[in-house]
Protein backbone atom coordinates (compact mmCIF):
# COMPACT_ATOMS: atom_id res chain seq x y z
CA UNK A 1 15.21 -12.94 -25.64
CA UNK A 2 11.85 -13.23 -27.40
CA UNK A 3 13.43 -12.02 -30.62
CA UNK A 4 16.17 -14.67 -30.51
CA UNK A 5 14.40 -17.71 -29.05
CA UNK A 6 12.24 -20.07 -31.07
CA UNK A 7 9.40 -22.24 -29.88
CA UNK A 8 11.27 -25.50 -30.45
CA UNK A 9 14.13 -24.32 -28.24
CA UNK A 10 11.65 -23.58 -25.45
CA UNK A 11 9.95 -26.94 -25.88
CA UNK A 12 13.33 -28.69 -25.74
CA UNK A 13 14.31 -26.77 -22.58
CA UNK A 14 11.03 -27.69 -20.89
CA UNK A 15 11.36 -31.33 -21.97
CA UNK A 16 14.85 -31.55 -20.45
CA UNK A 17 13.73 -29.82 -17.26
CA UNK A 18 10.75 -32.14 -16.80
CA UNK A 19 12.56 -35.35 -17.73
CA UNK A 20 15.34 -34.58 -15.25
CA UNK A 21 12.63 -34.50 -12.57
CA UNK A 22 10.71 -37.53 -13.88
CA UNK A 23 7.59 -35.43 -14.36
CA UNK A 24 6.28 -37.29 -17.42
CA UNK A 25 4.26 -39.39 -14.99
CA UNK A 26 2.33 -36.25 -13.96
CA UNK A 27 2.10 -34.56 -17.34
CA UNK A 28 -0.66 -36.20 -19.31
CA UNK A 29 -2.90 -34.07 -21.53
CA UNK A 30 -5.66 -33.76 -18.91
CA UNK A 31 -3.34 -32.63 -16.13
CA UNK A 32 -1.48 -30.22 -18.38
CA UNK A 33 -4.79 -28.70 -19.51
CA UNK A 34 -5.78 -28.37 -15.84
CA UNK A 35 -2.46 -26.61 -15.26
CA UNK A 36 -3.22 -24.12 -18.05
CA UNK A 37 -6.60 -23.31 -16.52
CA UNK A 38 -5.26 -23.12 -12.97
CA UNK A 39 -2.46 -20.75 -13.91
CA UNK A 40 -4.83 -18.71 -16.09
CA UNK A 41 -7.10 -18.29 -13.09
CA UNK A 42 -4.17 -17.11 -11.03
CA UNK A 43 -3.42 -14.52 -13.73
CA UNK A 44 -7.05 -13.41 -13.72
CA UNK A 45 -6.94 -12.81 -9.97
CA UNK A 46 -4.65 -9.82 -10.59
CA UNK A 47 -7.23 -8.15 -12.84
CA UNK A 48 -10.58 -9.24 -11.48
CA UNK A 49 -12.85 -6.31 -10.61
CA UNK A 50 -10.19 -3.81 -11.65
CA UNK A 51 -10.79 -0.81 -13.87
CA UNK A 52 -8.66 -0.22 -16.94
CA UNK A 53 -6.69 2.40 -14.99
CA UNK A 54 -6.13 0.01 -12.09
CA UNK A 55 -4.88 -2.65 -14.51
CA UNK A 56 -2.43 -0.14 -16.01
CA UNK A 57 -1.21 0.69 -12.50
CA UNK A 58 -0.63 -3.01 -11.78
CA UNK A 59 1.36 -3.45 -14.98
CA UNK A 60 3.47 -0.41 -14.16
CA UNK A 61 4.19 -1.29 -10.53
CA UNK A 62 6.00 -3.89 -8.45
CA UNK A 63 3.02 -6.21 -9.04
CA UNK A 64 4.01 -6.53 -12.70
CA UNK A 65 6.45 -9.31 -11.75
CA UNK A 66 3.61 -11.37 -10.29
CA UNK A 67 1.67 -11.00 -13.54
CA UNK A 68 4.65 -11.95 -15.70
CA UNK A 69 5.31 -15.00 -13.54
CA UNK A 70 1.72 -16.17 -14.08
CA UNK A 71 2.12 -15.67 -17.83
CA UNK A 72 5.30 -17.74 -17.72
CA UNK A 73 3.47 -20.48 -15.80
CA UNK A 74 0.75 -20.55 -18.46
CA UNK A 75 3.33 -20.64 -21.22
CA UNK A 76 5.14 -23.48 -19.48
CA UNK A 77 2.00 -25.64 -19.48
CA UNK A 78 1.09 -24.72 -23.06
CA UNK A 79 4.57 -25.54 -24.31
CA UNK A 80 4.74 -28.72 -22.24
CA UNK A 81 1.44 -29.95 -23.65
CA UNK A 82 2.61 -29.17 -27.17
CA UNK A 83 5.96 -30.84 -26.53
CA UNK A 84 4.46 -33.99 -25.01
CA UNK A 85 1.92 -34.47 -27.81
CA UNK A 86 3.95 -33.24 -30.78
CA UNK A 87 1.83 -30.19 -31.55
CA UNK A 88 3.38 -27.62 -33.87
CA UNK A 89 2.25 -24.41 -32.21
CA UNK A 90 3.54 -22.12 -34.97
CA UNK A 91 1.55 -23.96 -37.63
CA UNK A 92 -1.55 -24.15 -35.45
CA UNK A 93 -1.39 -20.44 -34.65
CA UNK A 94 -0.98 -19.54 -38.33
CA UNK A 95 -4.02 -21.66 -39.22
CA UNK A 96 -6.04 -20.11 -36.39
CA UNK A 97 -5.18 -16.59 -37.53
CA UNK A 98 -6.26 -17.45 -41.10
CA UNK A 99 -9.59 -18.84 -39.84
CA UNK A 100 -10.12 -15.81 -37.65
CA UNK A 101 -9.33 -13.46 -40.54
CA UNK A 102 -12.04 -15.16 -42.60
CA UNK A 103 -14.51 -15.14 -39.73
CA UNK A 104 -13.73 -11.54 -38.73
CA UNK A 105 -12.81 -9.57 -41.88
CA UNK A 106 -11.29 -6.16 -41.16
CA UNK A 107 -14.13 -4.24 -42.76
CA UNK A 108 -16.64 -5.84 -40.38
CA UNK A 109 -14.53 -6.30 -37.27
CA UNK A 110 -12.67 -2.99 -37.05
CA UNK A 111 -14.42 -0.16 -35.28
CA UNK A 112 -17.54 -0.12 -33.19
CA UNK A 113 -19.18 -3.02 -31.40
CA UNK A 114 -22.26 -2.54 -33.56
CA UNK A 115 -20.50 -4.22 -36.50
CA UNK A 116 -20.04 -7.42 -34.48
CA UNK A 117 -23.76 -8.09 -34.75
CA UNK A 118 -23.24 -8.50 -38.50
CA UNK A 119 -20.63 -11.25 -38.07
């Protein structure tokens, strides 16, 4: 579905879902930002103190569903915040990538950690 769904469709679906439940009263910018952090923390719980191999095992086991549900929760709050406050996520992401490309040019960023000291 990722390849056939656009961000506006998701924002519209979330808007309808929340308005049907009268959740606008609970979804101000502060509370939505808190939701992003809370759900992000729940995602982190799955990986905290785990080795790279243990993380791979989680993502290739029955626990994967728990991880994907946390990602969906985070996405819900991000999209809801963007929907409520008319933020164009595609444009903002494009601008962020351009800024990051300038800040971290390939020739300095790619490769060893040693190059990061030059940035």
